[in-house]
């Protein structure tokens, strides 16, 4: 089976829709299930996801993959940033703003903007996330950056740091929870300043 990177390369080289169709089938179900959790009705979830995939199709050359050639983390980060933007600009009653969304907003990295590349909302969240990470003890900061920024596995980080896999896993879990908790008030403040909530742009 081809990796996501290979499918992306095939699409760029030949512009064959078959590559996109396989890419779509591979990732659509997970994103669809996510949408059904975040929207109050099926129609809104499907409309949002259709716009999301239209954006992906038009920007296949900009999709990024990890060291295993998978685009899953990138797609989910873009999805969450777009959902955040949607929540700020669309009728609030259509979206479930629950702990899962709040907890995952910190995963929105610098490169996962939609067509509005200077998106102030994601940028502010990312800036605060960097500040939190930089305030961590040196060992924790290195472990988290290896995992989150560079995509190292738990096993590789444990070997590099001369720690057990359980210790590394616990540290990453604790740091992630810390970031979630500290970003929650930032998200709330941005939401209040954002002017509640109309349209999504892809």
N, C-alpha and C. Protein backbone atom coordinates (compact mmCIF):
# COMPACT_ATOMS: atom_id res chain seq x y z
N UNK A 1 0.84 -1.20 0.00
CA UNK A 1 0.00 0.00 0.00
C UNK A 1 0.88 1.26 0.00
N UNK A 2 0.53 2.21 -0.82
CA UNK A 2 1.32 3.43 -0.92
C UNK A 2 1.12 4.30 0.33
N UNK A 3 2.18 4.99 0.68
CA UNK A 3 2.07 5.96 1.77
C UNK A 3 1.34 7.20 1.27
N UNK A 4 0.93 8.04 2.22
CA UNK A 4 0.31 9.31 1.82
C UNK A 4 1.26 10.14 0.97
N UNK A 5 2.53 10.16 1.35
CA UNK A 5 3.50 10.94 0.58
C UNK A 5 3.59 10.45 -0.86
N UNK A 6 3.55 9.14 -1.06
CA UNK A 6 3.59 8.59 -2.42
C UNK A 6 2.34 8.97 -3.20
N UNK A 7 1.19 8.95 -2.54
CA UNK A 7 -0.04 9.38 -3.21
C UNK A 7 0.02 10.85 -3.58
N UNK A 8 0.55 11.66 -2.68
CA UNK A 8 0.69 13.09 -2.97
C UNK A 8 1.64 13.31 -4.14
N UNK A 9 2.75 12.57 -4.16
CA UNK A 9 3.71 12.69 -5.25
C UNK A 9 3.07 12.28 -6.58
N UNK A 10 2.29 11.20 -6.55
CA UNK A 10 1.62 10.74 -7.77
C UNK A 10 0.66 11.80 -8.28
N UNK A 11 -0.05 12.43 -7.35
CA UNK A 11 -1.02 13.44 -7.76
C UNK A 11 -0.31 14.64 -8.38
N UNK A 12 0.79 15.06 -7.77
CA UNK A 12 1.54 16.21 -8.28
C UNK A 12 2.11 15.91 -9.66
N UNK A 13 2.62 14.69 -9.84
CA UNK A 13 3.28 14.33 -11.10
C UNK A 13 2.30 14.12 -12.25
N UNK A 14 1.14 13.53 -11.94
CA UNK A 14 0.23 13.15 -13.01
C UNK A 14 -1.15 13.79 -12.93
N UNK A 15 -1.43 14.45 -11.79
CA UNK A 15 -2.74 15.07 -11.57
C UNK A 15 -3.87 14.05 -11.73
N UNK A 16 -3.61 12.80 -11.35
CA UNK A 16 -4.62 11.76 -11.46
C UNK A 16 -5.55 11.81 -10.25
N UNK A 17 -6.85 11.84 -10.55
CA UNK A 17 -7.81 11.89 -9.46
C UNK A 17 -7.81 10.61 -8.63
N UNK A 18 -7.32 9.52 -9.21
CA UNK A 18 -7.29 8.27 -8.46
C UNK A 18 -6.43 8.39 -7.21
N UNK A 19 -5.36 9.13 -7.30
CA UNK A 19 -4.50 9.33 -6.13
C UNK A 19 -5.23 10.10 -5.05
N UNK A 20 -5.97 11.12 -5.44
CA UNK A 20 -6.74 11.88 -4.46
C UNK A 20 -7.85 11.02 -3.88
N UNK A 21 -8.51 10.22 -4.72
CA UNK A 21 -9.60 9.38 -4.24
C UNK A 21 -9.11 8.39 -3.18
N UNK A 22 -7.94 7.80 -3.40
CA UNK A 22 -7.39 6.88 -2.41
C UNK A 22 -7.01 7.62 -1.13
N UNK A 23 -6.42 8.80 -1.30
CA UNK A 23 -6.06 9.64 -0.16
C UNK A 23 -7.31 10.01 0.63
N UNK A 24 -8.37 10.38 -0.08
CA UNK A 24 -9.65 10.75 0.53
C UNK A 24 -10.24 9.58 1.32
N UNK A 25 -10.30 8.41 0.69
CA UNK A 25 -10.89 7.24 1.34
C UNK A 25 -10.12 6.85 2.61
N UNK A 26 -8.82 7.06 2.58
CA UNK A 26 -7.98 6.68 3.71
C UNK A 26 -8.27 7.53 4.94
N UNK A 27 -8.59 8.80 4.77
CA UNK A 27 -8.69 9.74 5.90
C UNK A 27 -10.11 10.24 6.17
N UNK A 28 -11.02 10.04 5.24
CA UNK A 28 -12.34 10.66 5.37
C UNK A 28 -13.11 10.14 6.57
N UNK A 29 -13.09 8.84 6.79
CA UNK A 29 -13.92 8.25 7.85
C UNK A 29 -13.58 8.83 9.22
N UNK A 30 -12.28 8.94 9.52
CA UNK A 30 -11.88 9.47 10.83
C UNK A 30 -12.32 10.92 10.99
N UNK A 31 -12.17 11.72 9.93
CA UNK A 31 -12.57 13.12 10.00
C UNK A 31 -14.10 13.25 10.06
N UNK A 32 -14.80 12.35 9.39
CA UNK A 32 -16.25 12.39 9.43
C UNK A 32 -16.76 12.08 10.84
N UNK A 33 -16.17 11.07 11.48
CA UNK A 33 -16.56 10.75 12.85
C UNK A 33 -16.29 11.94 13.78
N UNK A 34 -15.15 12.60 13.56
CA UNK A 34 -14.82 13.78 14.36
C UNK A 34 -15.88 14.87 14.15
N UNK A 35 -16.29 15.08 12.91
CA UNK A 35 -17.27 16.11 12.60
C UNK A 35 -18.60 15.82 13.28
N UNK A 36 -19.01 14.57 13.30
CA UNK A 36 -20.28 14.23 13.93
C UNK A 36 -20.26 14.51 15.42
N UNK A 37 -19.07 14.47 16.04
CA UNK A 37 -18.98 14.81 17.46
C UNK A 37 -19.04 16.31 17.69
N UNK A 38 -18.53 17.09 16.76
CA UNK A 38 -18.39 18.52 16.98
C UNK A 38 -19.58 19.34 16.48
N UNK A 39 -20.43 18.76 15.64
CA UNK A 39 -21.58 19.50 15.13
C UNK A 39 -22.88 18.91 15.66
N UNK A 40 -23.86 19.77 15.80
CA UNK A 40 -25.12 19.35 16.41
C UNK A 40 -26.02 18.60 15.43
N UNK A 41 -25.78 18.73 14.16
CA UNK A 41 -26.57 17.94 13.21
C UNK A 41 -25.69 17.46 12.06
N UNK A 42 -26.13 16.39 11.44
CA UNK A 42 -25.35 15.71 10.41
C UNK A 42 -25.10 16.60 9.20
N UNK A 43 -26.09 17.43 8.84
CA UNK A 43 -25.96 18.27 7.65
C UNK A 43 -24.83 19.29 7.80
N UNK A 44 -24.76 19.93 8.95
CA UNK A 44 -23.68 20.90 9.18
C UNK A 44 -22.32 20.22 9.16
N UNK A 45 -22.25 19.04 9.75
CA UNK A 45 -20.98 18.29 9.77
C UNK A 45 -20.55 17.95 8.35
N UNK A 46 -21.49 17.50 7.52
CA UNK A 46 -21.15 17.12 6.15
C UNK A 46 -20.77 18.34 5.32
N UNK A 47 -21.46 19.46 5.51
CA UNK A 47 -21.13 20.68 4.77
C UNK A 47 -19.73 21.16 5.11
N UNK A 48 -19.41 21.16 6.39
CA UNK A 48 -18.08 21.59 6.81
C UNK A 48 -17.01 20.69 6.21
N UNK A 49 -17.23 19.39 6.26
CA UNK A 49 -16.23 18.45 5.77
C UNK A 49 -16.09 18.52 4.26
N UNK A 50 -17.17 18.78 3.57
CA UNK A 50 -17.09 18.94 2.11
C UNK A 50 -16.21 20.14 1.75
N UNK A 51 -16.39 21.24 2.46
CA UNK A 51 -15.54 22.41 2.23
C UNK A 51 -14.08 22.10 2.57
N UNK A 52 -13.88 21.35 3.63
CA UNK A 52 -12.52 20.98 4.03
C UNK A 52 -11.84 20.17 2.93
N UNK A 53 -12.52 19.18 2.37
CA UNK A 53 -11.91 18.34 1.35
C UNK A 53 -11.72 19.09 0.03
N UNK A 54 -12.57 20.06 -0.22
CA UNK A 54 -12.36 20.91 -1.40
C UNK A 54 -11.06 21.68 -1.26
N UNK A 55 -10.82 22.20 -0.06
CA UNK A 55 -9.57 22.90 0.19
C UNK A 55 -8.37 21.96 0.03
N UNK A 56 -8.47 20.74 0.58
CA UNK A 56 -7.38 19.78 0.47
C UNK A 56 -7.09 19.47 -1.00
N UNK A 57 -8.13 19.25 -1.78
CA UNK A 57 -7.94 18.92 -3.19
C UNK A 57 -7.21 20.04 -3.93
N UNK A 58 -7.54 21.26 -3.59
CA UNK A 58 -6.93 22.41 -4.27
C UNK A 58 -5.51 22.70 -3.77
N UNK A 59 -5.13 22.06 -2.68
CA UNK A 59 -3.82 22.36 -2.08
C UNK A 59 -3.02 21.09 -1.80
N UNK A 60 -3.14 20.11 -2.66
CA UNK A 60 -2.44 18.85 -2.45
C UNK A 60 -0.93 19.04 -2.36
N UNK A 61 -0.41 20.03 -3.06
CA UNK A 61 1.05 20.25 -3.03
C UNK A 61 1.52 20.82 -1.71
N UNK A 62 0.62 21.30 -0.88
CA UNK A 62 0.99 21.90 0.40
C UNK A 62 0.80 20.96 1.58
N UNK A 63 0.25 19.77 1.32
CA UNK A 63 0.04 18.81 2.40
C UNK A 63 1.38 18.28 2.88
N UNK A 64 1.58 18.22 4.18
CA UNK A 64 2.84 17.77 4.75
C UNK A 64 2.65 16.39 5.39
N UNK A 65 3.71 15.60 5.38
CA UNK A 65 3.67 14.27 5.97
C UNK A 65 4.76 14.14 7.03
N UNK A 66 4.62 13.12 7.88
CA UNK A 66 5.63 12.88 8.91
C UNK A 66 6.70 11.94 8.37
N UNK A 67 7.58 11.47 9.25
CA UNK A 67 8.70 10.65 8.81
C UNK A 67 8.26 9.29 8.28
N UNK A 68 7.04 8.87 8.63
CA UNK A 68 6.51 7.63 8.08
C UNK A 68 5.74 7.83 6.78
N UNK A 69 5.68 9.09 6.31
CA UNK A 69 4.97 9.38 5.08
C UNK A 69 3.47 9.54 5.27
N UNK A 70 3.02 9.71 6.52
CA UNK A 70 1.59 9.86 6.80
C UNK A 70 1.21 11.33 6.92
N UNK A 71 0.06 11.68 6.36
CA UNK A 71 -0.45 13.06 6.44
C UNK A 71 -1.53 13.20 7.51
N UNK A 72 -1.77 12.16 8.29
CA UNK A 72 -2.89 12.17 9.23
C UNK A 72 -2.80 13.31 10.23
N UNK A 73 -1.63 13.50 10.86
CA UNK A 73 -1.50 14.55 11.87
C UNK A 73 -1.68 15.93 11.24
N UNK A 74 -1.14 16.11 10.04
CA UNK A 74 -1.28 17.38 9.38
C UNK A 74 -2.76 17.67 9.08
N UNK A 75 -3.46 16.69 8.51
CA UNK A 75 -4.86 16.88 8.16
C UNK A 75 -5.70 17.19 9.40
N UNK A 76 -5.45 16.49 10.48
CA UNK A 76 -6.24 16.72 11.69
C UNK A 76 -5.92 18.09 12.30
N UNK A 77 -4.69 18.54 12.18
CA UNK A 77 -4.35 19.87 12.68
C UNK A 77 -5.02 20.96 11.85
N UNK A 78 -4.99 20.80 10.53
CA UNK A 78 -5.68 21.75 9.66
C UNK A 78 -7.16 21.74 9.95
N UNK A 79 -7.71 20.55 10.12
CA UNK A 79 -9.13 20.41 10.42
C UNK A 79 -9.49 21.17 11.70
N UNK A 80 -8.69 21.01 12.74
CA UNK A 80 -8.99 21.67 14.01
C UNK A 80 -8.88 23.18 13.92
N UNK A 81 -7.89 23.66 13.16
CA UNK A 81 -7.78 25.11 12.97
C UNK A 81 -8.98 25.65 12.20
N UNK A 82 -9.41 24.93 11.18
CA UNK A 82 -10.57 25.36 10.42
C UNK A 82 -11.84 25.30 11.28
N UNK A 83 -11.94 24.27 12.12
CA UNK A 83 -13.09 24.17 13.01
C UNK A 83 -13.09 25.31 14.02
N UNK A 84 -11.91 25.66 14.51
CA UNK A 84 -11.79 26.80 15.43
C UNK A 84 -12.27 28.08 14.74
N UNK A 85 -11.81 28.27 13.50
CA UNK A 85 -12.22 29.44 12.74
C UNK A 85 -13.73 29.42 12.50
N UNK A 86 -14.26 28.26 12.18
CA UNK A 86 -15.70 28.10 11.95
C UNK A 86 -16.48 28.46 13.22
N UNK A 87 -15.99 27.95 14.34
CA UNK A 87 -16.68 28.22 15.59
C UNK A 87 -16.73 29.71 15.89
N UNK A 88 -15.68 30.41 15.58
CA UNK A 88 -15.63 31.84 15.84
C UNK A 88 -16.53 32.63 14.91
N UNK A 89 -16.76 32.12 13.71
CA UNK A 89 -17.43 32.92 12.69
C UNK A 89 -18.82 32.43 12.33
N UNK A 90 -19.15 31.22 12.75
CA UNK A 90 -20.45 30.65 12.41
C UNK A 90 -21.38 30.74 13.61
N UNK A 91 -22.64 30.45 13.39
CA UNK A 91 -23.61 30.43 14.47
C UNK A 91 -23.15 29.47 15.55
N UNK A 92 -22.93 29.95 16.76
CA UNK A 92 -22.38 29.13 17.83
C UNK A 92 -23.25 27.92 18.12
N UNK A 93 -24.55 27.99 17.85
CA UNK A 93 -25.46 26.90 18.19
C UNK A 93 -25.23 25.65 17.34
N UNK A 94 -24.48 25.75 16.26
CA UNK A 94 -24.27 24.59 15.40
C UNK A 94 -23.09 23.75 15.84
N UNK A 95 -22.31 24.25 16.81
CA UNK A 95 -21.05 23.58 17.15
C UNK A 95 -21.04 23.19 18.62
N UNK A 96 -20.57 21.99 18.89
CA UNK A 96 -20.34 21.57 20.26
C UNK A 96 -18.93 21.98 20.68
N UNK A 97 -18.83 22.96 21.51
CA UNK A 97 -17.51 23.36 22.02
C UNK A 97 -17.27 22.61 23.32
N UNK A 98 -16.66 21.42 23.20
CA UNK A 98 -16.49 20.60 24.38
C UNK A 98 -15.01 20.49 24.75
N UNK A 99 -14.73 19.72 25.78
CA UNK A 99 -13.36 19.60 26.27
C UNK A 99 -12.44 18.99 25.23
N UNK A 100 -12.98 18.13 24.36
CA UNK A 100 -12.12 17.51 23.36
C UNK A 100 -11.58 18.56 22.40
N UNK A 101 -12.44 19.45 21.94
CA UNK A 101 -11.97 20.50 21.04
C UNK A 101 -11.00 21.43 21.74
N UNK A 102 -11.36 21.86 22.93
CA UNK A 102 -10.46 22.73 23.68
C UNK A 102 -9.12 22.05 23.92
N UNK A 103 -9.18 20.76 24.21
CA UNK A 103 -7.97 20.04 24.51
C UNK A 103 -7.06 19.84 23.33
N UNK A 104 -7.61 19.88 22.12
CA UNK A 104 -6.81 19.62 20.93
C UNK A 104 -6.43 20.88 20.16
N UNK A 105 -6.95 22.01 20.55
CA UNK A 105 -6.62 23.24 19.82
C UNK A 105 -5.13 23.54 19.86
N UNK A 106 -4.45 23.11 20.93
CA UNK A 106 -3.02 23.40 21.03
C UNK A 106 -2.22 22.66 19.97
N UNK A 107 -2.83 21.66 19.30
CA UNK A 107 -2.12 20.92 18.26
C UNK A 107 -2.04 21.70 16.96
N UNK A 108 -2.70 22.84 16.89
CA UNK A 108 -2.70 23.64 15.66
C UNK A 108 -1.35 24.31 15.49
N UNK A 109 -0.47 23.80 14.59
CA UNK A 109 0.87 24.35 14.45
C UNK A 109 0.91 25.46 13.41
N UNK A 110 2.10 26.04 13.27
CA UNK A 110 2.24 27.21 12.40
C UNK A 110 1.84 26.92 10.96
N UNK A 111 2.14 25.71 10.47
CA UNK A 111 1.91 25.43 9.06
C UNK A 111 0.51 24.97 8.75
N UNK A 112 -0.39 24.87 9.74
CA UNK A 112 -1.69 24.28 9.47
C UNK A 112 -2.80 25.31 9.27
N UNK A 113 -2.46 26.49 8.77
CA UNK A 113 -3.48 27.48 8.48
C UNK A 113 -4.24 27.12 7.21
N UNK A 114 -5.42 27.67 7.10
CA UNK A 114 -6.14 27.52 5.85
C UNK A 114 -5.70 28.64 4.91
N UNK A 115 -6.56 29.03 3.96
CA UNK A 115 -6.13 30.01 2.96
C UNK A 115 -5.84 31.38 3.57
N UNK A 116 -6.36 31.65 4.75
CA UNK A 116 -6.02 32.89 5.46
C UNK A 116 -4.78 32.59 6.28
N UNK A 117 -3.61 32.75 5.68
CA UNK A 117 -2.40 32.21 6.27
C UNK A 117 -1.89 33.01 7.46
N UNK A 118 -2.40 34.20 7.62
CA UNK A 118 -2.00 34.96 8.80
C UNK A 118 -3.09 34.91 9.87
N UNK A 119 -3.79 33.82 9.91
CA UNK A 119 -4.90 33.61 10.84
C UNK A 119 -4.49 33.98 12.26
N UNK A 120 -5.06 35.07 12.77
CA UNK A 120 -4.61 35.60 14.05
C UNK A 120 -4.97 34.67 15.20
N UNK A 121 -6.06 33.93 15.04
CA UNK A 121 -6.50 33.08 16.15
C UNK A 121 -5.54 31.92 16.36
N UNK A 122 -5.25 31.18 15.29
CA UNK A 122 -4.30 30.08 15.43
C UNK A 122 -2.92 30.60 15.81
N UNK A 123 -2.55 31.75 15.27
CA UNK A 123 -1.23 32.32 15.57
C UNK A 123 -1.11 32.63 17.06
N UNK A 124 -2.17 33.17 17.64
CA UNK A 124 -2.10 33.52 19.05
C UNK A 124 -2.03 32.27 19.93
N UNK A 125 -2.79 31.25 19.56
CA UNK A 125 -2.72 29.99 20.30
C UNK A 125 -1.32 29.40 20.20
N UNK A 126 -0.77 29.41 18.98
CA UNK A 126 0.57 28.86 18.78
C UNK A 126 1.61 29.63 19.57
N UNK A 127 1.49 30.95 19.60
CA UNK A 127 2.45 31.77 20.34
C UNK A 127 2.41 31.43 21.83
N UNK A 128 1.21 31.29 22.36
CA UNK A 128 1.08 30.95 23.77
C UNK A 128 1.62 29.56 24.04
N UNK A 129 1.38 28.63 23.12
CA UNK A 129 1.89 27.27 23.29
C UNK A 129 3.42 27.27 23.37
N UNK A 130 4.06 28.04 22.49
CA UNK A 130 5.52 28.12 22.50
C UNK A 130 6.01 28.69 23.82
N UNK A 131 5.33 29.69 24.35
CA UNK A 131 5.73 30.27 25.63
C UNK A 131 5.64 29.24 26.76
N UNK A 132 4.59 28.43 26.72
CA UNK A 132 4.42 27.40 27.75
C UNK A 132 5.54 26.37 27.65
N UNK A 133 5.82 25.94 26.43
CA UNK A 133 6.87 24.93 26.23
C UNK A 133 8.23 25.48 26.68
N UNK A 134 8.51 26.73 26.34
CA UNK A 134 9.80 27.33 26.71
C UNK A 134 9.96 27.49 28.22
N UNK A 135 8.85 27.50 28.94
CA UNK A 135 8.92 27.66 30.39
C UNK A 135 9.13 26.33 31.11
N UNK A 136 9.10 25.23 30.37
CA UNK A 136 9.26 23.91 30.98
C UNK A 136 10.72 23.70 31.41
N UNK A 137 10.95 22.82 32.38
CA UNK A 137 12.33 22.42 32.69
C UNK A 137 13.01 21.87 31.44
N UNK A 138 14.31 22.01 31.38
CA UNK A 138 15.04 21.69 30.15
C UNK A 138 14.77 20.27 29.66
N UNK A 139 14.82 19.30 30.54
CA UNK A 139 14.60 17.91 30.12
C UNK A 139 13.20 17.71 29.57
N UNK A 140 12.19 18.26 30.25
CA UNK A 140 10.82 18.13 29.77
C UNK A 140 10.64 18.82 28.42
N UNK A 141 11.26 19.99 28.29
CA UNK A 141 11.15 20.73 27.02
C UNK A 141 11.75 19.93 25.87
N UNK A 142 12.92 19.34 26.10
CA UNK A 142 13.56 18.56 25.05
C UNK A 142 12.71 17.35 24.68
N UNK A 143 12.18 16.66 25.67
CA UNK A 143 11.36 15.48 25.41
C UNK A 143 10.11 15.85 24.62
N UNK A 144 9.44 16.92 25.03
CA UNK A 144 8.21 17.31 24.34
C UNK A 144 8.49 17.77 22.91
N UNK A 145 9.56 18.53 22.72
CA UNK A 145 9.89 18.98 21.36
C UNK A 145 10.28 17.82 20.45
N UNK A 146 10.99 16.84 20.99
CA UNK A 146 11.33 15.67 20.19
C UNK A 146 10.08 14.94 19.74
N UNK A 147 9.10 14.88 20.63
CA UNK A 147 7.86 14.16 20.32
C UNK A 147 6.95 14.96 19.41
N UNK A 148 6.68 16.20 19.79
CA UNK A 148 5.68 17.01 19.09
C UNK A 148 6.22 17.69 17.84
N UNK A 149 7.40 18.27 17.95
CA UNK A 149 7.94 19.06 16.85
C UNK A 149 8.68 18.22 15.83
N UNK A 150 9.43 17.23 16.32
CA UNK A 150 10.27 16.44 15.42
C UNK A 150 9.71 15.05 15.11
N UNK A 151 8.63 14.68 15.79
CA UNK A 151 7.96 13.43 15.46
C UNK A 151 8.68 12.17 15.91
N UNK A 152 9.54 12.26 16.93
CA UNK A 152 10.23 11.08 17.44
C UNK A 152 9.24 10.16 18.15
N UNK A 153 9.49 8.87 18.10
CA UNK A 153 8.66 7.91 18.81
C UNK A 153 9.02 7.89 20.29
N UNK A 154 8.11 7.34 21.11
CA UNK A 154 8.39 7.20 22.54
C UNK A 154 9.66 6.38 22.75
N UNK A 155 9.78 5.32 21.98
CA UNK A 155 10.95 4.43 22.10
C UNK A 155 12.24 5.19 21.82
N UNK A 156 12.28 5.97 20.73
CA UNK A 156 13.50 6.69 20.37
C UNK A 156 13.84 7.77 21.39
N UNK A 157 12.81 8.45 21.90
CA UNK A 157 13.06 9.49 22.90
C UNK A 157 13.63 8.86 24.18
N UNK A 158 13.08 7.71 24.55
CA UNK A 158 13.57 7.02 25.75
C UNK A 158 15.04 6.66 25.59
N UNK A 159 15.41 6.14 24.43
CA UNK A 159 16.81 5.79 24.20
C UNK A 159 17.70 7.03 24.21
N UNK A 160 17.24 8.09 23.56
CA UNK A 160 18.03 9.33 23.47
C UNK A 160 18.22 9.95 24.85
N UNK A 161 17.19 9.86 25.69
CA UNK A 161 17.22 10.53 26.99
C UNK A 161 17.67 9.63 28.12
N UNK A 162 17.94 8.37 27.82
CA UNK A 162 18.33 7.39 28.85
C UNK A 162 17.25 7.28 29.93
N UNK A 163 15.99 7.26 29.50
CA UNK A 163 14.85 7.10 30.39
C UNK A 163 14.03 5.90 29.94
N UNK A 164 13.16 5.43 30.80
CA UNK A 164 12.26 4.34 30.42
C UNK A 164 11.15 4.89 29.52
N UNK A 165 10.57 4.01 28.72
CA UNK A 165 9.46 4.43 27.86
C UNK A 165 8.28 4.91 28.71
N UNK A 166 8.04 4.25 29.85
CA UNK A 166 6.96 4.68 30.72
C UNK A 166 7.16 6.09 31.25
N UNK A 167 8.40 6.42 31.61
CA UNK A 167 8.69 7.77 32.10
C UNK A 167 8.47 8.81 31.02
N UNK A 168 8.94 8.51 29.81
CA UNK A 168 8.75 9.44 28.70
C UNK A 168 7.27 9.62 28.39
N UNK A 169 6.54 8.51 28.39
CA UNK A 169 5.10 8.58 28.10
C UNK A 169 4.39 9.41 29.16
N UNK A 170 4.73 9.23 30.42
CA UNK A 170 4.10 9.99 31.50
C UNK A 170 4.43 11.48 31.40
N UNK A 171 5.69 11.79 31.06
CA UNK A 171 6.08 13.19 30.93
C UNK A 171 5.30 13.87 29.81
N UNK A 172 5.19 13.20 28.66
CA UNK A 172 4.46 13.78 27.53
C UNK A 172 2.99 13.98 27.88
N UNK A 173 2.41 13.00 28.58
CA UNK A 173 1.01 13.13 28.99
C UNK A 173 0.82 14.29 29.96
N UNK A 174 1.74 14.43 30.91
CA UNK A 174 1.65 15.52 31.90
C UNK A 174 1.82 16.88 31.24
N UNK A 175 2.78 16.98 30.32
CA UNK A 175 3.02 18.25 29.63
C UNK A 175 1.83 18.62 28.75
N UNK A 176 1.27 17.63 28.05
CA UNK A 176 0.10 17.89 27.21
C UNK A 176 -1.06 18.41 28.04
N UNK A 177 -1.30 17.79 29.20
CA UNK A 177 -2.38 18.25 30.08
C UNK A 177 -2.12 19.67 30.57
N UNK A 178 -0.86 19.98 30.89
CA UNK A 178 -0.50 21.33 31.33
C UNK A 178 -0.79 22.35 30.24
N UNK A 179 -0.39 22.03 29.00
CA UNK A 179 -0.64 22.95 27.89
C UNK A 179 -2.14 23.14 27.68
N UNK A 180 -2.89 22.04 27.73
CA UNK A 180 -4.35 22.14 27.57
C UNK A 180 -4.95 23.09 28.59
N UNK A 181 -4.57 22.92 29.85
CA UNK A 181 -5.14 23.72 30.92
C UNK A 181 -4.78 25.19 30.78
N UNK A 182 -3.53 25.47 30.38
CA UNK A 182 -3.10 26.87 30.27
C UNK A 182 -3.66 27.55 29.02
N UNK A 183 -3.99 26.76 28.01
CA UNK A 183 -4.55 27.36 26.80
C UNK A 183 -6.05 27.60 26.90
N UNK A 184 -6.70 26.93 27.81
CA UNK A 184 -8.14 27.10 27.93
C UNK A 184 -8.55 28.56 28.15
N UNK A 185 -7.96 29.29 29.10
CA UNK A 185 -8.35 30.71 29.25
C UNK A 185 -7.96 31.56 28.06
N UNK A 186 -6.86 31.20 27.37
CA UNK A 186 -6.48 31.94 26.17
C UNK A 186 -7.55 31.78 25.10
N UNK A 187 -7.99 30.55 24.93
CA UNK A 187 -9.04 30.30 23.95
C UNK A 187 -10.31 31.07 24.29
N UNK A 188 -10.67 31.06 25.57
CA UNK A 188 -11.88 31.76 25.99
C UNK A 188 -11.77 33.26 25.71
N UNK A 189 -10.60 33.84 26.02
CA UNK A 189 -10.41 35.28 25.80
C UNK A 189 -10.50 35.62 24.33
N UNK A 190 -9.87 34.79 23.48
CA UNK A 190 -9.93 35.05 22.04
C UNK A 190 -11.35 34.95 21.53
N UNK A 191 -12.10 33.96 22.04
CA UNK A 191 -13.48 33.79 21.61
C UNK A 191 -14.31 35.02 21.95
N UNK A 192 -14.10 35.57 23.14
CA UNK A 192 -14.87 36.74 23.54
C UNK A 192 -14.53 37.95 22.68
N UNK A 193 -13.24 38.05 22.27
CA UNK A 193 -12.82 39.18 21.47
C UNK A 193 -13.17 39.01 19.99
N UNK A 194 -13.46 37.78 19.60
CA UNK A 194 -13.62 37.48 18.19
C UNK A 194 -14.89 37.97 17.59
N UNK A 195 -15.77 38.33 18.32
CA UNK A 195 -17.04 38.86 17.84
C UNK A 195 -18.02 37.81 17.52
N UNK A 196 -18.58 37.02 17.84
CA UNK A 196 -19.30 35.75 17.73
C UNK A 196 -20.08 35.69 16.42
N UNK A 197 -19.82 35.10 15.64
CA UNK A 197 -19.27 33.95 14.95
C UNK A 197 -19.88 33.86 13.57
N UNK A 198 -19.36 34.23 12.51
CA UNK A 198 -19.98 34.08 11.20
C UNK A 198 -19.05 33.52 10.14
N UNK A 199 -19.24 32.67 9.27
CA UNK A 199 -18.67 32.09 8.06
C UNK A 199 -17.31 31.41 8.17
N UNK A 200 -17.07 30.48 7.35
CA UNK A 200 -15.77 29.82 7.27
C UNK A 200 -15.16 30.08 5.91
N UNK A 201 -13.86 30.30 5.87
CA UNK A 201 -13.20 30.52 4.58
C UNK A 201 -12.19 29.43 4.34
N UNK A 202 -12.27 28.77 3.20
CA UNK A 202 -11.33 27.72 2.85
C UNK A 202 -10.70 28.05 1.52
